[in-house]
Amino acid sequence: MADAVPQTWQWNGRPVRLVDGTTISMPDTQANQEAYPQPRSQKPGLGFPQCRLVGIVCLASGAVLNAAVGRCRGKGGDEQTLLRGMLSTLSAGGILLGDSFYATYFLFVELQRRQVDGVFEQHGVRQRSTNFEQGRSLGPKDHLIEITKPKQKPDWMSREYYDQAPESLTVRELFCGGKVLVTTLLNAKHVPKAELNKLYRSRWHVELDLRNLKSTLGLDTLSCKTPSMAIKELWVYVLAHNLIRLLMSQSALLGDCLPRELSFKHTLQLWNAWRQSNADGSDEDYLASLFFLIAEQRVGNRPQRIEPRAIKRRPRTFPLLTQPRPLARKQVARNGHPKKVK
């Protein structure tokens, strides 16, 4: 679906992919704890197993093109490792957008080998030391600079791969939109700063896509009590997400708009109502009317919108559970509930 979108849905005729990761909670069972341990900051019996999900998302349609799941603790579960296992999803000539976690030397090497350009926010440590007076200037706070291969081979990398990696790479650093970006799109005439700033702002869509998966669909907390079933449950959520995106893409074609201009939650609500009123799904005319209804509701285009990361509704006054539940039950049976939570 995503690779068949019209050229006008792409950036200068090039497909754009988004990458980001998130964590997902599982029921607190022994099997889940062994496969996906809880964070070390949580005491035994008081936390929940967590897995990490990294997805590659189509900017045009919002569909999840590929995803990988791993542990949040231990080797092999970080976002970089999970992404490396999915790089075959990227097609030559495409562009990958990601946050500062992905702006690493060896990812740029691999993207270059696959003829894919990357646009990332500069890593915080590197961003603080960025000196635009060095390198070849392309304009105000815009330059080309050589970055060198790390002297120490990463543990996950073979010696052969490390030796074959180039000793240096030319990348472009620029300050725009209040951020320092690093990219392999080197030609400032073909890709001016304003265009890159606009392109990178579209990365925020992946945050909204993860929110739709976790909040709108309910992926934030899984319910299955074994690792194998929990992962199956996770993939069902991803499948449901892509099916909703398919409805949005079909509606966008009929409504002569872009899928990103339509509301994910509105589409889900209409689909649920349509299934209840047309259980067999055999009425094609009724299905066409569903597409037109989906296309009627457009989301606002607010690129400069800023919202605080805070909630208005106050939480309940129950205290946090600070000891294993069996011990807490015994204390309640012996002493009763504390007066302030009765």
Protein backbone atom coordinates (compact mmCIF):
# COMPACT_ATOMS: atom_id res chain seq x y z
CA MET A 1 0.00 0.00 0.00
CA ALA A 2 2.62 2.53 1.06
CA ASP A 3 4.86 2.08 -1.97
CA ALA A 4 1.93 2.63 -4.37
CA VAL A 5 1.10 6.15 -3.24
CA PRO A 6 1.16 8.92 -5.87
CA GLN A 7 4.32 10.93 -6.38
CA THR A 8 2.63 14.03 -4.93
CA TRP A 9 2.56 12.24 -1.56
CA GLN A 10 6.35 11.98 -1.54
CA TRP A 11 9.12 14.51 -0.91
CA ASN A 12 10.55 15.65 -4.25
CA GLY A 13 9.52 12.28 -5.69
CA ARG A 14 11.40 10.34 -2.99
CA PRO A 15 9.68 8.04 -0.46
CA VAL A 16 10.15 9.20 3.14
CA ARG A 17 10.24 6.77 6.06
CA LEU A 18 10.04 7.59 9.75
CA VAL A 19 11.65 5.60 12.56
CA ASP A 20 11.07 5.68 16.29
CA GLY A 21 10.75 3.38 19.26
CA THR A 22 8.60 2.99 22.33
CA THR A 23 8.10 0.66 25.28
CA ILE A 24 5.08 -1.53 25.98
CA SER A 25 3.97 -2.97 29.31
CA MET A 26 2.98 -6.60 29.88
CA PRO A 27 1.19 -8.46 32.69
CA ASP A 28 3.43 -9.26 35.65
CA THR A 29 3.89 -13.01 35.17
CA GLN A 30 7.02 -15.09 35.67
CA ALA A 31 7.17 -16.05 32.00
CA ASN A 32 6.92 -12.43 30.85
CA GLN A 33 9.49 -11.31 33.42
CA GLU A 34 12.02 -13.86 32.17
CA ALA A 35 11.57 -12.90 28.52
CA TYR A 36 11.14 -9.14 28.98
CA PRO A 37 12.43 -8.07 32.42
CA GLN A 38 11.03 -5.05 34.20
CA PRO A 39 13.20 -1.92 34.60
CA ARG A 40 15.90 -2.15 37.26
CA SER A 41 14.47 0.95 38.92
CA GLN A 42 11.43 -1.09 39.98
CA LYS A 43 11.60 -3.46 42.93
CA PRO A 44 10.75 -7.16 42.42
CA GLY A 45 7.02 -7.71 42.64
CA LEU A 46 6.24 -4.02 42.08
CA GLY A 47 6.97 -3.56 38.38
CA PHE A 48 5.76 -4.86 35.06
CA PRO A 49 7.66 -6.55 32.22
CA GLN A 50 8.49 -4.23 29.33
CA CYS A 51 9.38 -4.84 25.71
CA ARG A 52 10.71 -2.35 23.19
CA LEU A 53 9.02 -1.76 19.84
CA VAL A 54 10.79 0.01 16.96
CA GLY A 55 8.86 0.71 13.80
CA ILE A 56 9.52 2.05 10.31
CA VAL A 57 6.52 4.11 9.24
CA CYS A 58 5.55 5.49 5.83
CA LEU A 59 5.27 9.27 6.03
CA ALA A 60 2.68 9.40 3.24
CA SER A 61 0.15 6.85 4.49
CA GLY A 62 1.08 6.33 8.15
CA ALA A 63 1.30 2.54 7.67
CA VAL A 64 3.81 0.57 9.73
CA LEU A 65 6.05 -0.93 7.04
CA ASN A 66 8.11 -3.02 9.46
CA ALA A 67 8.59 -3.40 13.19
CA ALA A 68 10.92 -5.21 15.56
CA VAL A 69 10.45 -6.21 19.19
CA GLY A 70 13.18 -6.72 21.78
CA ARG A 71 14.02 -6.59 25.46
CA CYS A 72 14.45 -3.25 27.19
CA ARG A 73 17.34 -4.67 29.22
CA GLY A 74 20.47 -6.41 27.99
CA LYS A 75 22.23 -6.56 24.64
CA GLY A 76 20.29 -6.63 21.40
CA GLY A 77 17.26 -4.74 22.59
CA ASP A 78 18.27 -1.14 21.96
CA GLU A 79 16.66 0.88 19.18
CA GLN A 80 19.78 0.90 17.00
CA THR A 81 20.03 -2.90 17.04
CA LEU A 82 16.35 -3.37 16.27
CA LEU A 83 16.54 -0.86 13.41
CA ARG A 84 19.57 -2.57 11.84
CA GLY A 85 17.51 -5.72 11.45
CA MET A 86 14.92 -3.83 9.39
CA LEU A 87 17.10 -1.76 7.05
CA SER A 88 16.16 -4.00 4.13
CA THR A 89 12.73 -2.34 4.31
CA LEU A 90 14.27 0.90 3.04
CA SER A 91 14.45 1.27 -0.74
CA ALA A 92 17.26 2.95 -2.66
CA GLY A 93 16.60 6.64 -3.18
CA GLY A 94 14.50 6.96 -0.03
CA ILE A 95 14.93 9.21 3.00
CA LEU A 96 14.89 8.17 6.65
CA LEU A 97 13.89 10.64 9.39
CA GLY A 98 14.65 10.02 13.06
CA ASP A 99 15.42 11.75 16.32
CA SER A 100 18.86 12.32 17.83
CA PHE A 101 19.22 8.71 18.97
CA TYR A 102 19.84 7.56 15.39
CA ALA A 103 22.52 10.08 14.37
CA THR A 104 25.42 7.61 14.59
CA TYR A 105 28.40 7.06 12.33
CA PHE A 106 27.73 3.43 11.44
CA LEU A 107 24.06 4.02 10.67
CA PHE A 108 25.10 6.72 8.20
CA VAL A 109 27.55 4.23 6.69
CA GLU A 110 24.85 1.60 6.25
CA LEU A 111 22.36 4.08 4.82
CA GLN A 112 24.97 5.31 2.36
CA ARG A 113 25.66 1.72 1.29
CA ARG A 114 21.95 1.24 0.64
CA GLN A 115 21.70 4.60 -1.22
CA VAL A 116 19.35 6.01 1.40
CA ASP A 117 19.69 9.52 2.83
CA GLY A 118 19.18 10.22 6.50
CA VAL A 119 18.00 13.34 8.31
CA PHE A 120 18.35 13.29 12.09
CA GLU A 121 18.60 15.70 14.94
CA GLN A 122 22.20 15.99 16.10
CA HIS A 123 23.03 14.00 19.22
CA GLY A 124 23.04 16.14 22.36
CA VAL A 125 26.74 15.71 23.16
CA ARG A 126 27.77 16.45 19.59
CA GLN A 127 25.26 19.31 19.30
CA ARG A 128 26.82 21.19 22.20
CA SER A 129 30.24 21.04 20.54
CA THR A 130 29.13 21.83 16.97
CA ASN A 131 31.32 24.58 15.52
CA PHE A 132 29.97 26.05 12.28
CA GLU A 133 33.25 27.88 11.70
CA GLN A 134 34.84 24.56 10.77
CA GLY A 135 34.39 22.63 7.54
CA ARG A 136 33.02 24.03 4.29
CA SER A 137 30.44 26.75 4.83
CA LEU A 138 27.16 26.52 2.89
CA GLY A 139 25.53 29.51 4.55
CA PRO A 140 24.78 30.86 8.02
CA LYS A 141 25.09 27.96 10.47
CA ASP A 142 25.16 25.48 7.59
CA HIS A 143 28.30 23.55 6.65
CA LEU A 144 29.82 20.30 5.42
CA ILE A 145 32.10 18.48 7.81
CA GLU A 146 34.09 15.26 7.89
CA ILE A 147 33.28 12.84 10.69
CA THR A 148 35.73 10.04 11.44
CA LYS A 149 35.13 6.41 12.24
CA PRO A 150 35.12 5.58 15.97
CA LYS A 151 38.43 4.10 17.02
CA GLN A 152 36.78 1.41 19.11
CA LYS A 153 34.77 -1.32 17.39
CA PRO A 154 31.25 -1.73 18.83
CA ASP A 155 30.59 -5.08 20.50
CA TRP A 156 27.80 -5.97 18.08
CA MET A 157 29.95 -5.42 14.98
CA SER A 158 32.20 -7.98 13.35
CA ARG A 159 35.85 -7.12 12.78
CA GLU A 160 35.41 -7.58 9.02
CA TYR A 161 32.53 -5.08 8.87
CA TYR A 162 34.45 -2.59 10.99
CA ASP A 163 37.54 -2.81 8.77
CA GLN A 164 35.46 -2.34 5.61
CA ALA A 165 33.72 0.77 6.93
CA PRO A 166 35.18 4.01 5.49
CA GLU A 167 37.55 5.98 7.70
CA SER A 168 35.46 9.15 7.34
CA LEU A 169 32.17 10.45 6.01
CA THR A 170 31.03 13.84 4.77
CA VAL A 171 27.81 15.02 6.39
CA ARG A 172 25.95 18.29 6.52
CA GLU A 173 25.22 20.06 9.78
CA LEU A 174 22.79 22.96 9.93
CA PHE A 175 20.89 24.93 12.53
CA CYS A 176 17.21 25.43 11.76
CA GLY A 177 13.96 25.39 13.65
CA GLY A 178 15.84 25.64 16.94
CA LYS A 179 17.64 22.34 16.30
CA VAL A 180 20.96 21.19 14.88
CA LEU A 181 20.28 18.67 12.12
CA VAL A 182 22.75 16.28 10.56
CA THR A 183 22.06 14.81 7.13
CA THR A 184 23.59 13.23 4.05
CA LEU A 185 21.61 15.61 1.79
CA LEU A 186 24.69 17.68 1.02
CA ASN A 187 23.63 19.93 -1.86
CA ALA A 188 22.42 23.23 -0.36
CA LYS A 189 21.14 24.45 -3.75
CA HIS A 190 18.93 21.44 -4.37
CA VAL A 191 17.98 21.06 -0.69
CA PRO A 192 17.93 24.51 0.96
CA LYS A 193 17.76 24.94 4.72
CA ALA A 194 14.08 25.90 4.70
CA GLU A 195 13.18 22.70 2.83
CA LEU A 196 15.13 20.55 5.29
CA ASN A 197 13.48 22.27 8.22
CA LYS A 198 10.04 21.60 6.73
CA LEU A 199 10.97 17.99 6.02
CA TYR A 200 12.25 17.31 9.51
CA ARG A 201 9.16 18.83 11.12
CA SER A 202 7.17 16.05 9.47
CA ARG A 203 9.06 13.56 11.68
CA TRP A 204 6.57 14.41 14.42
CA HIS A 205 3.99 12.27 12.61
CA VAL A 206 5.67 9.13 13.93
CA GLU A 207 5.04 10.34 17.48
CA LEU A 208 1.35 10.72 16.61
CA ASP A 209 1.33 7.27 14.99
CA LEU A 210 2.74 5.70 18.16
CA ARG A 211 0.13 7.57 20.18
CA ASN A 212 -2.60 6.15 17.94
CA LEU A 213 -1.22 2.65 18.44
CA LYS A 214 -0.81 2.93 22.20
CA SER A 215 -3.65 5.21 23.28
CA THR A 216 -6.35 5.04 20.59
CA LEU A 217 -6.04 1.30 19.93
CA GLY A 218 -4.81 0.28 23.39
CA LEU A 219 -1.35 -1.19 22.64
CA ASP A 220 0.17 0.61 25.64
CA THR A 221 -0.62 -2.32 27.96
CA LEU A 222 -0.84 -5.89 26.66
CA SER A 223 -3.06 -8.47 28.36
CA CYS A 224 -1.56 -11.86 27.45
CA LYS A 225 0.34 -13.66 30.21
CA THR A 226 2.94 -15.51 28.14
CA PRO A 227 5.62 -13.94 25.91
CA SER A 228 4.57 -15.77 22.75
CA MET A 229 0.94 -14.75 23.07
CA ALA A 230 1.86 -11.19 24.08
CA ILE A 231 3.92 -10.75 20.91
CA LYS A 232 1.05 -12.16 18.83
CA GLU A 233 -1.25 -9.68 20.52
CA LEU A 234 1.17 -6.87 19.67
CA TRP A 235 1.19 -7.82 15.98
CA VAL A 236 -2.62 -7.89 15.94
CA TYR A 237 -2.58 -4.25 17.09
CA VAL A 238 -0.12 -3.36 14.31
CA LEU A 239 -2.29 -5.17 11.77
CA ALA A 240 -5.38 -3.31 12.99
CA HIS A 241 -3.46 -0.02 12.74
CA ASN A 242 -2.51 -0.73 9.13
CA LEU A 243 -6.07 -1.72 8.23
CA ILE A 244 -7.32 1.62 9.55
CA ARG A 245 -4.59 3.35 7.54
CA LEU A 246 -5.74 1.44 4.47
CA LEU A 247 -9.27 2.78 4.94
CA MET A 248 -7.84 6.29 5.29
CA SER A 249 -5.78 5.93 2.09
CA GLN A 250 -8.78 4.71 0.12
CA SER A 251 -10.89 7.53 1.51
CA ALA A 252 -8.16 10.06 0.64
CA LEU A 253 -8.22 8.94 -2.99
CA LEU A 254 -11.96 9.49 -3.18
CA GLY A 255 -11.79 12.76 -1.27
CA ASP A 256 -8.85 14.13 -3.29
CA CYS A 257 -6.71 14.74 -0.22
CA LEU A 258 -3.75 13.22 1.60
CA PRO A 259 -4.17 10.40 4.15
CA ARG A 260 -2.37 12.51 6.75
CA GLU A 261 -5.15 15.08 6.48
CA LEU A 262 -7.70 12.57 7.83
CA SER A 263 -8.39 11.63 11.44
CA PHE A 264 -7.29 8.19 12.64
CA LYS A 265 -9.71 8.14 15.59
CA HIS A 266 -12.61 9.37 13.46
CA THR A 267 -11.92 6.58 10.95
CA LEU A 268 -11.85 3.97 13.72
CA GLN A 269 -15.14 5.19 15.17
CA LEU A 270 -16.84 5.19 11.77
CA TRP A 271 -15.54 1.72 10.99
CA ASN A 272 -16.89 0.32 14.27
CA ALA A 273 -20.29 1.91 13.62
CA TRP A 274 -20.32 0.66 10.02
CA ARG A 275 -19.55 -2.91 11.09
CA GLN A 276 -22.47 -2.89 13.54
CA SER A 277 -24.92 -1.67 10.93
CA ASN A 278 -23.57 -3.79 8.06
CA ALA A 279 -22.28 -6.97 9.67
CA ASP A 280 -21.69 -8.98 6.49
CA GLY A 281 -19.83 -6.11 4.76
CA SER A 282 -21.32 -7.03 1.37
CA ASP A 283 -22.91 -3.68 0.44
CA GLU A 284 -20.36 -1.94 -1.83
CA ASP A 285 -22.40 1.26 -2.06
CA TYR A 286 -22.58 1.44 1.71
CA LEU A 287 -18.80 0.93 1.87
CA ALA A 288 -18.29 3.80 -0.60
CA SER A 289 -20.41 6.04 1.61
CA LEU A 290 -18.15 5.07 4.53
CA PHE A 291 -15.12 6.29 2.57
CA PHE A 292 -16.78 9.63 1.86
CA LEU A 293 -17.71 10.04 5.53
CA ILE A 294 -14.10 9.37 6.53
CA ALA A 295 -12.85 11.94 4.03
CA GLU A 296 -15.20 14.63 5.34
CA GLN A 297 -13.42 14.96 8.69
CA ARG A 298 -10.06 16.73 8.26
CA VAL A 299 -7.46 17.32 10.95
CA GLY A 300 -6.04 20.79 11.46
CA ASN A 301 -2.65 21.74 10.05
CA ARG A 302 -0.87 23.31 13.03
CA PRO A 303 2.89 22.99 12.42
CA GLN A 304 3.82 25.49 15.14
CA ARG A 305 1.56 23.99 17.81
CA ILE A 306 3.20 23.62 21.22
CA GLU A 307 1.62 21.79 24.14
CA PRO A 308 3.01 21.22 27.66
CA ARG A 309 3.81 17.62 28.61
CA ALA A 310 1.42 17.71 31.55
CA ILE A 311 -2.07 16.45 32.37
CA LYS A 312 -4.92 18.58 33.67
CA ARG A 313 -6.99 15.83 35.31
CA ARG A 314 -5.70 15.05 38.79
CA PRO A 315 -4.93 11.41 39.59
CA ARG A 316 -6.66 9.55 42.37
CA THR A 317 -5.20 9.83 45.86
CA PHE A 318 -4.32 6.15 46.26
CA PRO A 319 -0.69 5.69 47.29
CA LEU A 320 1.75 3.68 45.19
CA LEU A 321 2.18 0.00 45.94
CA THR A 322 5.58 -0.17 47.65
CA GLN A 323 5.68 -3.86 48.55
CA PRO A 324 4.65 -7.11 46.86
CA ARG A 325 0.87 -7.50 46.67
CA PRO A 326 0.66 -10.68 48.84
CA LEU A 327 2.37 -8.82 51.71
CA ALA A 328 0.11 -5.82 51.21
CA ARG A 329 -2.97 -8.06 51.40
CA LYS A 330 -1.79 -9.54 54.68
CA GLN A 331 -1.29 -6.10 56.19
CA VAL A 332 -4.77 -5.00 55.10
CA ALA A 333 -6.30 -8.19 56.54
CA ARG A 334 -4.49 -7.58 59.82
CA ASN A 335 -4.74 -3.79 60.18
CA GLY A 336 -7.39 -2.71 57.69
CA HIS A 337 -7.03 -0.06 55.01
CA PRO A 338 -5.34 3.23 55.93
CA LYS A 339 -7.94 5.83 56.83
CA LYS A 340 -6.98 8.23 54.05
CA VAL A 341 -7.74 5.69 51.28
CA LYS A 342 -10.98 4.25 52.67
